């Protein structure tokens, strides 16, 4: 099974890559692979890879940064998640 994991550089995403990668082919997705807030970037990567499953762990985990910059929080946590759902 081919599994795409967003947020592969984050703590949770990195751990999932290690665990799931032991028994499945993993496509670890980082910001360098696709900007999740840009639907066209995400669509290009996922349609080319055609994963069987997609695990979305990317997000902005720092509540202080999110409070200081609500637009960043919205783009990273809401728009990116909506794009992942739309492409999936």
N, C-alpha and C. Protein backbone atom coordinates (compact mmCIF):
# COMPACT_ATOMS: atom_id res chain seq x y z
N UNK A 1 0.84 -1.17 0.00
CA UNK A 1 0.00 0.00 0.00
C UNK A 1 0.89 1.24 0.00
N UNK A 2 0.53 2.26 -0.78
CA UNK A 2 1.25 3.52 -0.83
C UNK A 2 0.50 4.54 0.02
N UNK A 3 1.20 5.11 1.01
CA UNK A 3 0.59 6.05 1.95
C UNK A 3 1.31 7.39 1.87
N UNK A 4 0.57 8.45 1.60
CA UNK A 4 1.12 9.81 1.63
C UNK A 4 0.87 10.39 3.01
N UNK A 5 1.89 11.04 3.56
CA UNK A 5 1.77 11.64 4.89
C UNK A 5 2.21 13.09 4.79
N UNK A 6 1.29 14.03 5.03
CA UNK A 6 1.64 15.44 5.05
C UNK A 6 2.28 15.76 6.39
N UNK A 7 3.05 16.82 6.41
CA UNK A 7 3.70 17.20 7.67
C UNK A 7 4.78 16.23 8.10
N UNK A 8 5.45 15.62 7.14
CA UNK A 8 6.42 14.56 7.44
C UNK A 8 7.64 15.05 8.21
N UNK A 9 7.87 16.36 8.25
CA UNK A 9 8.98 16.89 9.04
C UNK A 9 8.58 17.20 10.48
N UNK A 10 7.28 17.17 10.76
CA UNK A 10 6.82 17.43 12.11
C UNK A 10 7.01 16.21 13.01
N UNK A 11 6.83 16.41 14.29
CA UNK A 11 7.04 15.34 15.26
C UNK A 11 6.14 14.14 14.99
N UNK A 12 4.85 14.36 14.86
CA UNK A 12 3.90 13.28 14.64
C UNK A 12 4.06 12.67 13.25
N UNK A 13 4.16 13.53 12.23
CA UNK A 13 4.31 13.04 10.86
C UNK A 13 5.57 12.22 10.68
N UNK A 14 6.66 12.68 11.27
CA UNK A 14 7.93 11.95 11.16
C UNK A 14 7.82 10.57 11.79
N UNK A 15 7.18 10.50 12.96
CA UNK A 15 7.00 9.20 13.62
C UNK A 15 6.13 8.28 12.78
N UNK A 16 5.08 8.81 12.17
CA UNK A 16 4.23 7.98 11.32
C UNK A 16 4.98 7.45 10.11
N UNK A 17 5.84 8.28 9.53
CA UNK A 17 6.65 7.83 8.39
C UNK A 17 7.48 6.63 8.81
N UNK A 18 8.08 6.69 9.99
CA UNK A 18 8.92 5.60 10.47
C UNK A 18 8.09 4.33 10.71
N UNK A 19 6.98 4.46 11.40
CA UNK A 19 6.16 3.30 11.75
C UNK A 19 5.49 2.68 10.53
N UNK A 20 4.82 3.50 9.75
CA UNK A 20 4.10 2.99 8.58
C UNK A 20 5.08 2.52 7.50
N UNK A 21 6.22 3.20 7.41
CA UNK A 21 7.22 2.84 6.42
C UNK A 21 7.83 1.47 6.63
N UNK A 22 7.66 0.92 7.82
CA UNK A 22 8.20 -0.42 8.09
C UNK A 22 7.46 -1.49 7.30
N UNK A 23 6.20 -1.21 6.94
CA UNK A 23 5.42 -2.24 6.25
C UNK A 23 4.71 -1.75 4.98
N UNK A 24 4.86 -0.46 4.66
CA UNK A 24 4.20 0.10 3.47
C UNK A 24 5.14 1.08 2.79
N UNK A 25 4.84 1.36 1.53
CA UNK A 25 5.57 2.40 0.80
C UNK A 25 5.01 3.74 1.25
N UNK A 26 5.87 4.63 1.73
CA UNK A 26 5.42 5.92 2.25
C UNK A 26 5.93 7.05 1.36
N UNK A 27 5.04 8.00 1.09
CA UNK A 27 5.39 9.23 0.41
C UNK A 27 5.37 10.33 1.47
N UNK A 28 6.53 10.65 2.06
CA UNK A 28 6.55 11.69 3.08
C UNK A 28 6.48 13.07 2.42
N UNK A 29 5.45 13.83 2.74
CA UNK A 29 5.26 15.13 2.11
C UNK A 29 5.64 16.25 3.08
N UNK A 30 6.50 17.14 2.60
CA UNK A 30 6.90 18.31 3.37
C UNK A 30 6.54 19.56 2.58
N UNK A 31 6.76 20.69 3.20
CA UNK A 31 6.48 21.95 2.51
C UNK A 31 7.30 22.09 1.23
N UNK A 32 8.47 21.47 1.20
CA UNK A 32 9.31 21.52 0.00
C UNK A 32 8.66 20.77 -1.16
N UNK A 33 7.83 19.78 -0.86
CA UNK A 33 7.15 19.00 -1.91
C UNK A 33 5.93 19.72 -2.46
N UNK A 34 5.17 20.35 -1.56
CA UNK A 34 3.96 21.05 -1.98
C UNK A 34 3.52 22.00 -0.88
N UNK A 35 3.13 23.20 -1.29
CA UNK A 35 2.52 24.15 -0.35
C UNK A 35 1.05 23.77 -0.27
N UNK A 36 0.64 23.24 0.88
CA UNK A 36 -0.74 22.73 1.02
C UNK A 36 -1.79 23.82 0.93
N UNK A 37 -1.38 25.08 1.09
CA UNK A 37 -2.34 26.17 0.95
C UNK A 37 -2.60 26.51 -0.51
N UNK A 38 -1.82 25.90 -1.40
CA UNK A 38 -2.01 26.10 -2.84
C UNK A 38 -2.57 24.81 -3.45
N UNK A 39 -3.82 24.84 -3.76
CA UNK A 39 -4.51 23.65 -4.25
C UNK A 39 -3.83 23.05 -5.47
N UNK A 40 -3.34 23.87 -6.37
CA UNK A 40 -2.70 23.35 -7.59
C UNK A 40 -1.42 22.58 -7.26
N UNK A 41 -0.63 23.07 -6.29
CA UNK A 41 0.59 22.35 -5.88
C UNK A 41 0.24 20.99 -5.31
N UNK A 42 -0.71 20.99 -4.41
CA UNK A 42 -1.11 19.75 -3.75
C UNK A 42 -1.70 18.76 -4.75
N UNK A 43 -2.56 19.24 -5.61
CA UNK A 43 -3.17 18.37 -6.62
C UNK A 43 -2.11 17.74 -7.52
N UNK A 44 -1.14 18.53 -7.95
CA UNK A 44 -0.08 18.04 -8.83
C UNK A 44 0.69 16.89 -8.15
N UNK A 45 1.07 17.06 -6.91
CA UNK A 45 1.86 16.05 -6.20
C UNK A 45 1.04 14.79 -5.95
N UNK A 46 -0.17 14.96 -5.44
CA UNK A 46 -0.97 13.78 -5.09
C UNK A 46 -1.49 13.02 -6.31
N UNK A 47 -1.85 13.72 -7.36
CA UNK A 47 -2.31 13.02 -8.56
C UNK A 47 -1.17 12.28 -9.25
N UNK A 48 0.03 12.81 -9.14
CA UNK A 48 1.20 12.12 -9.71
C UNK A 48 1.54 10.88 -8.89
N UNK A 49 1.40 10.97 -7.59
CA UNK A 49 1.78 9.85 -6.70
C UNK A 49 0.69 8.79 -6.61
N UNK A 50 -0.56 9.20 -6.70
CA UNK A 50 -1.69 8.28 -6.59
C UNK A 50 -1.59 7.37 -5.36
N UNK A 51 -1.53 7.96 -4.14
CA UNK A 51 -1.45 7.12 -2.95
C UNK A 51 -2.77 6.39 -2.70
N UNK A 52 -2.67 5.25 -2.02
CA UNK A 52 -3.86 4.50 -1.63
C UNK A 52 -4.51 5.09 -0.39
N UNK A 53 -3.70 5.75 0.42
CA UNK A 53 -4.18 6.39 1.65
C UNK A 53 -3.44 7.70 1.84
N UNK A 54 -4.08 8.62 2.55
CA UNK A 54 -3.49 9.92 2.82
C UNK A 54 -3.72 10.25 4.28
N UNK A 55 -2.65 10.55 4.99
CA UNK A 55 -2.73 10.94 6.39
C UNK A 55 -2.25 12.39 6.48
N UNK A 56 -3.10 13.26 7.00
CA UNK A 56 -2.81 14.70 7.05
C UNK A 56 -2.42 15.08 8.47
N UNK A 57 -1.11 15.29 8.70
CA UNK A 57 -0.63 15.70 10.02
C UNK A 57 -0.07 17.11 10.01
N UNK A 58 -0.01 17.74 8.84
CA UNK A 58 0.57 19.09 8.75
C UNK A 58 -0.34 20.10 9.44
N UNK A 59 0.27 21.08 10.04
CA UNK A 59 -0.48 22.14 10.69
C UNK A 59 0.43 23.04 11.49
N UNK A 60 -0.13 24.10 12.01
CA UNK A 60 0.62 25.05 12.83
C UNK A 60 0.35 24.72 14.29
N UNK A 61 1.30 24.08 14.97
CA UNK A 61 1.06 23.61 16.33
C UNK A 61 1.30 24.65 17.43
N UNK A 62 1.89 25.80 17.09
CA UNK A 62 2.26 26.79 18.10
C UNK A 62 1.10 27.77 18.33
N UNK A 63 0.37 27.64 19.45
CA UNK A 63 -0.78 28.51 19.67
C UNK A 63 -0.40 29.99 19.82
N UNK A 64 0.78 30.26 20.36
CA UNK A 64 1.20 31.66 20.49
C UNK A 64 1.42 32.29 19.12
N UNK A 65 2.07 31.57 18.23
CA UNK A 65 2.28 32.09 16.87
C UNK A 65 0.94 32.26 16.16
N UNK A 66 0.03 31.33 16.36
CA UNK A 66 -1.29 31.42 15.73
C UNK A 66 -2.07 32.62 16.25
N UNK A 67 -1.95 32.91 17.54
CA UNK A 67 -2.64 34.08 18.10
C UNK A 67 -2.04 35.37 17.57
N UNK A 68 -0.73 35.40 17.40
CA UNK A 68 -0.07 36.60 16.88
C UNK A 68 -0.37 36.82 15.39
N UNK A 69 -0.62 35.73 14.68
CA UNK A 69 -0.82 35.83 13.24
C UNK A 69 -2.01 34.96 12.83
N UNK A 70 -3.23 35.46 13.04
CA UNK A 70 -4.41 34.66 12.73
C UNK A 70 -4.54 34.25 11.26
N UNK A 71 -4.04 35.08 10.35
CA UNK A 71 -4.12 34.72 8.93
C UNK A 71 -3.23 33.52 8.64
N UNK A 72 -2.04 33.49 9.22
CA UNK A 72 -1.15 32.34 9.09
C UNK A 72 -1.83 31.09 9.64
N UNK A 73 -2.44 31.20 10.81
CA UNK A 73 -3.13 30.06 11.42
C UNK A 73 -4.26 29.58 10.53
N UNK A 74 -5.03 30.50 9.98
CA UNK A 74 -6.15 30.12 9.11
C UNK A 74 -5.65 29.43 7.85
N UNK A 75 -4.65 29.99 7.20
CA UNK A 75 -4.12 29.39 5.98
C UNK A 75 -3.54 28.01 6.25
N UNK A 76 -2.76 27.90 7.31
CA UNK A 76 -2.06 26.65 7.61
C UNK A 76 -2.98 25.56 8.12
N UNK A 77 -3.92 25.92 8.97
CA UNK A 77 -4.76 24.90 9.61
C UNK A 77 -6.11 24.69 8.94
N UNK A 78 -6.64 25.70 8.30
CA UNK A 78 -7.97 25.57 7.70
C UNK A 78 -7.88 25.38 6.18
N UNK A 79 -7.25 26.32 5.50
CA UNK A 79 -7.18 26.25 4.05
C UNK A 79 -6.43 25.00 3.61
N UNK A 80 -5.28 24.73 4.23
CA UNK A 80 -4.50 23.55 3.86
C UNK A 80 -5.31 22.27 4.06
N UNK A 81 -6.01 22.18 5.18
CA UNK A 81 -6.82 20.98 5.45
C UNK A 81 -7.96 20.85 4.44
N UNK A 82 -8.59 21.96 4.12
CA UNK A 82 -9.66 21.94 3.11
C UNK A 82 -9.11 21.48 1.77
N UNK A 83 -7.93 21.93 1.40
CA UNK A 83 -7.32 21.50 0.13
C UNK A 83 -7.00 20.02 0.14
N UNK A 84 -6.49 19.51 1.24
CA UNK A 84 -6.20 18.08 1.34
C UNK A 84 -7.48 17.27 1.15
N UNK A 85 -8.54 17.71 1.80
CA UNK A 85 -9.83 17.01 1.67
C UNK A 85 -10.33 17.09 0.23
N UNK A 86 -10.25 18.25 -0.38
CA UNK A 86 -10.73 18.41 -1.76
C UNK A 86 -9.99 17.51 -2.73
N UNK A 87 -8.67 17.42 -2.59
CA UNK A 87 -7.90 16.57 -3.51
C UNK A 87 -8.14 15.10 -3.22
N UNK A 88 -8.27 14.75 -1.95
CA UNK A 88 -8.51 13.35 -1.60
C UNK A 88 -9.84 12.90 -2.17
